[in-house]
Amino acid sequence: MPGCVPRLSRIEILDHREADGVQSYRETFDEAYYCLNGAGDVEIVLRRTLPSTETTGPDVTQVVHVRTVWKSIPGSTVAERTQINGTVSYAIVYGRTGAAFEGAGSVFCKQNRQKDVLRGTLEQAVLKPTRRLGEGSDLFHRAELAGEFRAVHNPRRVRRIVNEMNLLLGPLPKYVPGDLGPR
């Protein structure tokens, strides 16, 4: 139908493996929430939980957490997909194992008139492995995320999902100026 906007958020993940080249994955997220702080910065969470393919296995949960750190103003500031104006976390949890990847990218978004829905895009978010739950190897050595989202205003759900992931995977690593993250 013309003018129909998808209700699901879609993210493409490019996995840059050193020897194997680039693998591409596309994920849809059926849960998407956002909140704003007093300075107008946006915090967005996308979540998807899939039942295990095994009869008694645990569910697989993926969470994308985006926080803007400044807002581009068309005509006043640079507004292109190579800018970095947000931090991005991507977590995957399967039972008692999981991993988180953190980095930064470009976020463009706009609220509707009622200020209860936010639509936008995530561009060129480059992530590296930072946290792990349980044993196992990193899923990605270096990943890039890009896609579009549609989120509803729900600060409580944003805080709850972020807190759940941080409880499972531990706190975000401290930033050290000049450090490009885990190697």
Protein backbone atom coordinates (compact mmCIF):
# COMPACT_ATOMS: atom_id res chain seq x y z
CA MET A 1 0.00 0.00 0.00
CA PRO A 2 1.33 3.46 -0.87
CA GLY A 3 2.61 5.47 2.07
CA CYS A 4 2.68 2.42 4.33
CA VAL A 5 5.69 2.42 6.67
CA PRO A 6 6.97 -0.93 7.97
CA ARG A 7 6.40 -1.47 11.70
CA LEU A 8 9.54 -3.58 12.05
CA SER A 9 13.08 -2.32 12.34
CA ARG A 10 15.65 -3.83 9.99
CA ILE A 11 19.39 -4.00 10.51
CA GLU A 12 22.07 -5.37 8.20
CA ILE A 13 25.20 -6.75 9.84
CA LEU A 14 28.41 -7.00 7.82
CA ASP A 15 30.86 -9.42 9.42
CA HIS A 16 34.44 -8.58 8.37
CA ARG A 17 36.38 -11.77 8.93
CA GLU A 18 40.09 -11.55 8.32
CA ALA A 19 40.42 -14.61 6.09
CA ASP A 20 36.87 -15.30 4.93
CA GLY A 21 35.96 -11.90 3.49
CA VAL A 22 32.64 -10.24 4.34
CA GLN A 23 29.49 -12.09 5.43
CA SER A 24 26.15 -10.25 5.40
CA TYR A 25 23.22 -10.91 7.75
CA ARG A 26 19.84 -9.19 7.87
CA GLU A 27 17.79 -9.09 11.04
CA THR A 28 14.35 -7.70 11.82
CA PHE A 29 13.49 -6.49 15.30
CA ASP A 30 9.88 -6.61 16.45
CA GLU A 31 10.48 -4.55 19.59
CA ALA A 32 11.76 -0.97 19.28
CA TYR A 33 11.61 1.74 21.96
CA TYR A 34 13.15 5.15 22.48
CA CYS A 35 13.49 7.94 25.02
CA LEU A 36 14.89 11.49 25.02
CA ASN A 37 16.97 13.25 27.63
CA GLY A 38 16.72 16.94 28.54
CA ALA A 39 19.37 17.91 25.96
CA GLY A 40 17.44 16.23 23.14
CA ASP A 41 19.77 13.23 22.82
CA VAL A 42 17.98 10.03 21.82
CA GLU A 43 18.38 6.53 23.23
CA ILE A 44 16.96 3.66 21.14
CA VAL A 45 16.74 -0.08 21.80
CA LEU A 46 15.78 -2.76 19.30
CA ARG A 47 15.15 -6.28 20.56
CA ARG A 48 14.37 -9.61 18.97
CA THR A 49 13.88 -12.91 20.77
CA LEU A 50 13.66 -16.13 18.79
CA PRO A 51 12.79 -19.52 20.21
CA SER A 52 15.56 -22.08 20.10
CA THR A 53 15.62 -24.52 17.23
CA GLU A 54 16.15 -27.23 19.83
CA THR A 55 13.12 -28.50 21.75
CA THR A 56 14.49 -27.62 25.18
CA GLY A 57 17.16 -25.10 24.21
CA PRO A 58 17.27 -21.47 25.36
CA ASP A 59 15.91 -18.57 23.32
CA VAL A 60 18.24 -16.37 21.28
CA THR A 61 17.96 -12.66 22.10
CA GLN A 62 19.53 -9.85 20.10
CA VAL A 63 19.59 -6.24 21.29
CA VAL A 64 20.80 -3.13 19.47
CA HIS A 65 21.28 -0.09 21.75
CA VAL A 66 21.91 3.31 20.14
CA ARG A 67 22.61 6.60 21.95
CA THR A 68 23.11 9.88 20.16
CA VAL A 69 25.76 12.19 21.57
CA TRP A 70 24.92 15.21 19.44
CA LYS A 71 22.22 16.11 16.94
CA SER A 72 22.97 17.39 13.46
CA ILE A 73 21.00 20.45 12.41
CA PRO A 74 20.46 20.60 8.64
CA GLY A 75 21.97 23.79 7.25
CA SER A 76 24.11 24.37 10.36
CA THR A 77 26.10 21.18 10.91
CA VAL A 78 27.45 18.45 8.71
CA ALA A 79 24.77 15.83 8.14
CA GLU A 80 26.14 12.89 6.18
CA ARG A 81 26.37 9.16 6.69
CA THR A 82 30.09 9.26 7.58
CA GLN A 83 29.59 11.49 10.63
CA ILE A 84 29.83 9.90 14.05
CA ASN A 85 27.09 11.14 16.33
CA GLY A 86 26.09 8.04 18.29
CA THR A 87 27.36 5.08 20.25
CA VAL A 88 26.10 1.62 19.33
CA SER A 89 26.01 -1.68 21.24
CA TYR A 90 24.92 -4.99 19.74
CA ALA A 91 24.36 -7.93 22.09
CA ILE A 92 23.51 -11.54 21.31
CA VAL A 93 22.57 -13.89 24.18
CA TYR A 94 21.87 -17.61 23.93
CA GLY A 95 21.19 -19.16 27.32
CA ARG A 96 24.32 -18.77 29.47
CA THR A 97 26.52 -17.59 26.62
CA GLY A 98 26.60 -14.32 24.76
CA ALA A 99 28.67 -11.46 23.48
CA ALA A 100 28.46 -7.71 23.10
CA PHE A 101 30.02 -5.50 20.47
CA GLU A 102 30.43 -1.76 20.86
CA GLY A 103 31.37 1.13 18.63
CA ALA A 104 30.04 4.29 17.02
CA GLY A 105 28.18 5.36 13.92
CA SER A 106 25.86 7.82 12.29
CA VAL A 107 22.25 8.15 13.45
CA PHE A 108 19.51 10.19 11.78
CA CYS A 109 16.02 10.26 13.29
CA LYS A 110 12.85 12.28 13.56
CA GLN A 111 9.81 12.14 15.83
CA ASN A 112 6.28 12.25 14.49
CA ARG A 113 3.98 15.17 15.38
CA GLN A 114 2.47 13.36 18.36
CA LYS A 115 6.01 12.73 19.66
CA ASP A 116 5.27 9.06 20.30
CA VAL A 117 7.04 7.44 17.30
CA LEU A 118 10.63 7.89 16.14
CA ARG A 119 11.77 6.87 12.66
CA GLY A 120 15.34 6.90 11.50
CA THR A 121 18.42 5.23 10.14
CA LEU A 122 21.67 3.89 11.49
CA GLU A 123 24.61 4.26 9.10
CA GLN A 124 28.11 2.78 9.18
CA ALA A 125 28.28 1.78 12.82
CA VAL A 126 31.62 0.00 13.24
CA LEU A 127 31.72 -2.39 16.22
CA LYS A 128 34.32 -4.55 17.96
CA PRO A 129 33.87 -7.29 20.60
CA THR A 130 33.96 -5.87 24.13
CA ARG A 131 32.05 -8.11 26.56
CA ARG A 132 31.31 -11.80 26.85
CA LEU A 133 28.97 -14.01 28.83
CA GLY A 134 30.27 -17.52 29.49
CA GLU A 135 32.79 -19.36 27.37
CA GLY A 136 32.99 -19.26 23.61
CA SER A 137 34.58 -17.26 20.89
CA ASP A 138 33.62 -13.87 19.53
CA LEU A 139 30.99 -14.08 16.83
CA PHE A 140 32.51 -11.17 14.92
CA HIS A 141 36.04 -9.81 14.77
CA ARG A 142 34.75 -6.51 13.40
CA ALA A 143 31.16 -5.80 12.37
CA GLU A 144 29.34 -2.95 10.67
CA LEU A 145 25.67 -2.26 11.32
CA ALA A 146 23.30 -0.22 9.16
CA GLY A 147 19.55 -0.12 8.80
CA GLU A 148 16.30 1.61 9.57
CA PHE A 149 14.14 1.68 12.65
CA ARG A 150 10.71 2.67 13.86
CA ALA A 151 10.52 2.98 17.65
CA VAL A 152 7.75 3.93 20.06
CA HIS A 153 8.31 6.27 22.99
CA ASN A 154 8.70 4.16 26.13
CA PRO A 155 11.51 5.25 28.49
CA ARG A 156 10.73 2.47 30.97
CA ARG A 157 11.22 -0.28 28.36
CA VAL A 158 14.47 1.36 27.18
CA ARG A 159 15.91 1.35 30.71
CA ARG A 160 14.70 -2.18 31.43
CA ILE A 161 16.20 -3.74 28.29
CA VAL A 162 19.53 -1.88 28.70
CA ASN A 163 19.73 -2.85 32.38
CA GLU A 164 18.96 -6.52 31.60
CA MET A 165 21.76 -6.67 29.02
CA ASN A 166 24.24 -4.94 31.34
CA LEU A 167 23.35 -7.34 34.17
CA LEU A 168 24.02 -10.32 31.91
CA LEU A 169 27.12 -9.05 30.10
CA GLY A 170 28.61 -6.73 32.71
CA PRO A 171 29.12 -2.98 32.55
CA LEU A 172 30.39 -1.23 29.47
CA PRO A 173 34.19 -1.07 29.37
CA LYS A 174 35.69 2.26 30.36
CA TYR A 175 36.80 4.46 27.50
CA VAL A 176 40.47 5.36 27.43
CA PRO A 177 41.27 8.42 25.24
CA GLY A 178 43.30 7.35 22.23
CA ASP A 179 42.29 3.70 22.57
CA LEU A 180 40.49 2.23 19.59
CA GLY A 181 38.91 -0.54 21.66
CA PRO A 182 39.74 -4.21 22.14
CA ARG A 183 42.20 -5.72 19.73
